[in-house]
Amino acid sequence: MISQILLALVALLNLVPGIVALRPSRTVALYGLTLDSPALALAMRHRAVLLALVGVLLGLAALDDAWLPPALLVAFTSKLSFLGLYAATRPHAAPMRRVAIADVVAILVLGIVAALRLA
């Protein structure tokens, strides 16, 4: 039961940026970014859809163990790739630091879920 709740929380964390797909202006609040070009708006909206899909996959895993391995693989890949790119890039605005911290917390929570459910 605790692993389902933890998965649902990380799923919600991934669904929140999905708002940008429908309301691109939310990038200012979420990332500190203004979308000055149509190309940047398109890229951020696409990112929002992909993060929401990770959230949906994690939500499915909270409901059915069969979804857990692919959900963990995709979620870990998403989080670790962002953190790798974040570490390789400087400087960082406060909103991006918040995203990085949220991803670190999500990785820790997903690690706990993996230990509880796959052990």
C-alpha atoms as a PDB file:
ATOM      1  CA  MET A   1       0.000   0.000   0.000  1.00  0.00           C
ATOM      2  CA  ILE A   2       2.797   2.482   0.857  1.00  0.00           C
ATOM      3  CA  SER A   3       4.517   1.796  -2.467  1.00  0.00           C
ATOM      4  CA  GLN A   4       1.275   2.557  -4.316  1.00  0.00           C
ATOM      5  CA  ILE A   5       0.965   5.898  -2.520  1.00  0.00           C
ATOM      6  CA  LEU A   6       4.600   6.748  -3.242  1.00  0.00           C
ATOM      7  CA  LEU A   7       4.163   5.860  -6.914  1.00  0.00           C
ATOM      8  CA  ALA A   8       1.021   7.974  -7.104  1.00  0.00           C
ATOM      9  CA  LEU A   9       2.881  10.951  -5.604  1.00  0.00           C
ATOM     10  CA  VAL A  10       5.710  10.686  -8.141  1.00  0.00           C
ATOM     11  CA  ALA A  11       3.088  10.239 -10.875  1.00  0.00           C
ATOM     12  CA  LEU A  12       1.498  13.535  -9.798  1.00  0.00           C
ATOM     13  CA  LEU A  13       4.910  15.211  -9.797  1.00  0.00           C
ATOM     14  CA  ASN A  14       5.251  14.212 -13.458  1.00  0.00           C
ATOM     15  CA  LEU A  15       1.709  15.196 -14.378  1.00  0.00           C
ATOM     16  CA  VAL A  16       2.049  18.779 -13.114  1.00  0.00           C
ATOM     17  CA  PRO A  17       4.363  19.918 -15.959  1.00  0.00           C
ATOM     18  CA  GLY A  18       1.795  18.498 -18.374  1.00  0.00           C
ATOM     19  CA  ILE A  19      -0.094  21.755 -17.792  1.00  0.00           C
ATOM     20  CA  VAL A  20       2.438  23.426 -20.084  1.00  0.00           C
ATOM     21  CA  ALA A  21       1.142  21.389 -23.028  1.00  0.00           C
ATOM     22  CA  LEU A  22      -2.198  23.168 -22.682  1.00  0.00           C
ATOM     23  CA  ARG A  23      -1.013  26.442 -21.163  1.00  0.00           C
ATOM     24  CA  PRO A  24       2.515  27.258 -22.377  1.00  0.00           C
ATOM     25  CA  SER A  25       2.540  30.469 -20.339  1.00  0.00           C
ATOM     26  CA  ARG A  26       2.926  28.295 -17.199  1.00  0.00           C
ATOM     27  CA  THR A  27       6.612  27.800 -18.090  1.00  0.00           C
ATOM     28  CA  VAL A  28       7.350  31.063 -16.278  1.00  0.00           C
ATOM     29  CA  ALA A  29       5.996  29.710 -12.978  1.00  0.00           C
ATOM     30  CA  LEU A  30       7.368  26.187 -13.383  1.00  0.00           C
ATOM     31  CA  TYR A  31      10.771  26.839 -14.970  1.00  0.00           C
ATOM     32  CA  GLY A  32      11.357  30.585 -14.950  1.00  0.00           C
ATOM     33  CA  LEU A  33      11.266  30.555 -18.759  1.00  0.00           C
ATOM     34  CA  THR A  34       9.457  32.831 -21.140  1.00  0.00           C
ATOM     35  CA  LEU A  35       8.636  31.253 -24.467  1.00  0.00           C
ATOM     36  CA  ASP A  36       9.960  33.934 -26.782  1.00  0.00           C
ATOM     37  CA  SER A  37       9.833  31.833 -29.923  1.00  0.00           C
ATOM     38  CA  PRO A  38       7.347  29.392 -31.416  1.00  0.00           C
ATOM     39  CA  ALA A  39      10.105  26.758 -31.603  1.00  0.00           C
ATOM     40  CA  LEU A  40      10.837  27.021 -27.880  1.00  0.00           C
ATOM     41  CA  ALA A  41       7.110  26.878 -27.109  1.00  0.00           C
ATOM     42  CA  LEU A  42       6.801  23.733 -29.213  1.00  0.00           C
ATOM     43  CA  ALA A  43       9.787  22.086 -27.493  1.00  0.00           C
ATOM     44  CA  MET A  44       8.474  22.881 -24.020  1.00  0.00           C
ATOM     45  CA  ARG A  45       4.967  21.690 -24.877  1.00  0.00           C
ATOM     46  CA  HIS A  46       6.429  18.445 -26.217  1.00  0.00           C
ATOM     47  CA  ARG A  47       8.462  18.042 -23.020  1.00  0.00           C
ATOM     48  CA  ALA A  48       5.274  18.572 -21.036  1.00  0.00           C
ATOM     49  CA  VAL A  49       3.504  15.789 -22.924  1.00  0.00           C
ATOM     50  CA  LEU A  50       6.409  13.391 -22.368  1.00  0.00           C
ATOM     51  CA  LEU A  51       6.543  14.134 -18.639  1.00  0.00           C
ATOM     52  CA  ALA A  52       2.789  13.629 -18.392  1.00  0.00           C
ATOM     53  CA  LEU A  53       3.190  10.262 -20.123  1.00  0.00           C
ATOM     54  CA  VAL A  54       5.781   9.274 -17.513  1.00  0.00           C
ATOM     55  CA  GLY A  55       3.208  10.275 -14.895  1.00  0.00           C
ATOM     56  CA  VAL A  56       0.518   8.143 -16.528  1.00  0.00           C
ATOM     57  CA  LEU A  57       2.883   5.161 -16.661  1.00  0.00           C
ATOM     58  CA  LEU A  58       3.737   5.582 -12.975  1.00  0.00           C
ATOM     59  CA  GLY A  59       0.040   5.835 -12.185  1.00  0.00           C
ATOM     60  CA  LEU A  60      -0.586   2.564 -14.012  1.00  0.00           C
ATOM     61  CA  ALA A  61       2.251   0.982 -12.034  1.00  0.00           C
ATOM     62  CA  ALA A  62       0.593   2.120  -8.807  1.00  0.00           C
ATOM     63  CA  LEU A  63      -2.479   0.161  -9.831  1.00  0.00           C
ATOM     64  CA  ASP A  64      -0.895  -2.895 -11.460  1.00  0.00           C
ATOM     65  CA  ASP A  65       2.513  -4.476 -10.727  1.00  0.00           C
ATOM     66  CA  ALA A  66       2.872  -5.513 -14.363  1.00  0.00           C
ATOM     67  CA  TRP A  67       3.539  -1.848 -15.234  1.00  0.00           C
ATOM     68  CA  LEU A  68       6.220  -1.379 -12.577  1.00  0.00           C
ATOM     69  CA  PRO A  69       9.390  -2.424 -14.466  1.00  0.00           C
ATOM     70  CA  PRO A  70       8.749  -0.264 -17.556  1.00  0.00           C
ATOM     71  CA  ALA A  71       7.491   2.610 -15.395  1.00  0.00           C
ATOM     72  CA  LEU A  72      10.617   2.571 -13.238  1.00  0.00           C
ATOM     73  CA  LEU A  73      12.874   2.311 -16.289  1.00  0.00           C
ATOM     74  CA  VAL A  74      11.232   5.279 -17.998  1.00  0.00           C
ATOM     75  CA  ALA A  75      11.004   7.379 -14.829  1.00  0.00           C
ATOM     76  CA  PHE A  76      14.609   6.761 -13.788  1.00  0.00           C
ATOM     77  CA  THR A  77      15.791   7.512 -17.343  1.00  0.00           C
ATOM     78  CA  SER A  78      13.792  10.744 -17.432  1.00  0.00           C
ATOM     79  CA  LYS A  79      14.988  11.936 -14.022  1.00  0.00           C
ATOM     80  CA  LEU A  80      18.624  10.929 -14.437  1.00  0.00           C
ATOM     81  CA  SER A  81      18.902  12.422 -17.923  1.00  0.00           C
ATOM     82  CA  PHE A  82      17.606  15.773 -16.676  1.00  0.00           C
ATOM     83  CA  LEU A  83      19.983  15.709 -13.709  1.00  0.00           C
ATOM     84  CA  GLY A  84      22.917  14.843 -15.976  1.00  0.00           C
ATOM     85  CA  LEU A  85      22.114  17.733 -18.293  1.00  0.00           C
ATOM     86  CA  TYR A  86      21.526  20.005 -15.308  1.00  0.00           C
ATOM     87  CA  ALA A  87      24.927  19.116 -13.846  1.00  0.00           C
ATOM     88  CA  ALA A  88      26.642  19.760 -17.177  1.00  0.00           C
ATOM     89  CA  THR A  89      25.082  23.213 -17.596  1.00  0.00           C
ATOM     90  CA  ARG A  90      25.667  26.402 -15.610  1.00  0.00           C
ATOM     91  CA  PRO A  91      24.379  28.768 -14.248  1.00  0.00           C
ATOM     92  CA  HIS A  92      20.969  27.737 -12.962  1.00  0.00           C
ATOM     93  CA  ALA A  93      17.986  29.868 -12.104  1.00  0.00           C
ATOM     94  CA  ALA A  94      16.082  29.056  -8.918  1.00  0.00           C
ATOM     95  CA  PRO A  95      13.155  27.395 -10.756  1.00  0.00           C
ATOM     96  CA  MET A  96      15.516  24.939 -12.453  1.00  0.00           C
ATOM     97  CA  ARG A  97      17.129  24.149  -9.096  1.00  0.00           C
ATOM     98  CA  ARG A  98      13.655  23.321  -7.786  1.00  0.00           C
ATOM     99  CA  VAL A  99      13.130  20.938 -10.708  1.00  0.00           C
ATOM    100  CA  ALA A 100      16.489  19.275 -10.024  1.00  0.00           C
ATOM    101  CA  ILE A 101      15.717  18.905  -6.316  1.00  0.00           C
ATOM    102  CA  ALA A 102      12.291  17.467  -7.137  1.00  0.00           C
ATOM    103  CA  ASP A 103      13.946  14.949  -9.472  1.00  0.00           C
ATOM    104  CA  VAL A 104      16.452  13.909  -6.791  1.00  0.00           C
ATOM    105  CA  VAL A 105      13.608  13.379  -4.334  1.00  0.00           C
ATOM    106  CA  ALA A 106      11.646  11.456  -6.980  1.00  0.00           C
ATOM    107  CA  ILE A 107      14.638   9.194  -7.638  1.00  0.00           C
ATOM    108  CA  LEU A 108      14.947   8.455  -3.928  1.00  0.00           C
ATOM    109  CA  VAL A 109      11.221   7.699  -3.670  1.00  0.00           C
ATOM    110  CA  LEU A 110      11.345   5.486  -6.761  1.00  0.00           C
ATOM    111  CA  GLY A 111      14.314   3.652  -5.263  1.00  0.00           C
ATOM    112  CA  ILE A 112      12.271   2.954  -2.136  1.00  0.00           C
ATOM    113  CA  VAL A 113       9.374   1.728  -4.288  1.00  0.00           C
ATOM    114  CA  ALA A 114      11.703  -0.531  -6.261  1.00  0.00           C
ATOM    115  CA  ALA A 115      13.125  -1.977  -3.048  1.00  0.00           C
ATOM    116  CA  LEU A 116       9.651  -2.568  -1.598  1.00  0.00           C
ATOM    117  CA  ARG A 117       7.982  -3.965  -4.702  1.00  0.00           C
ATOM    118  CA  LEU A 118      10.745  -5.803  -6.515  1.00  0.00           C
ATOM    119  CA  ALA A 119      12.438  -7.379  -3.481  1.00  0.00           C
END
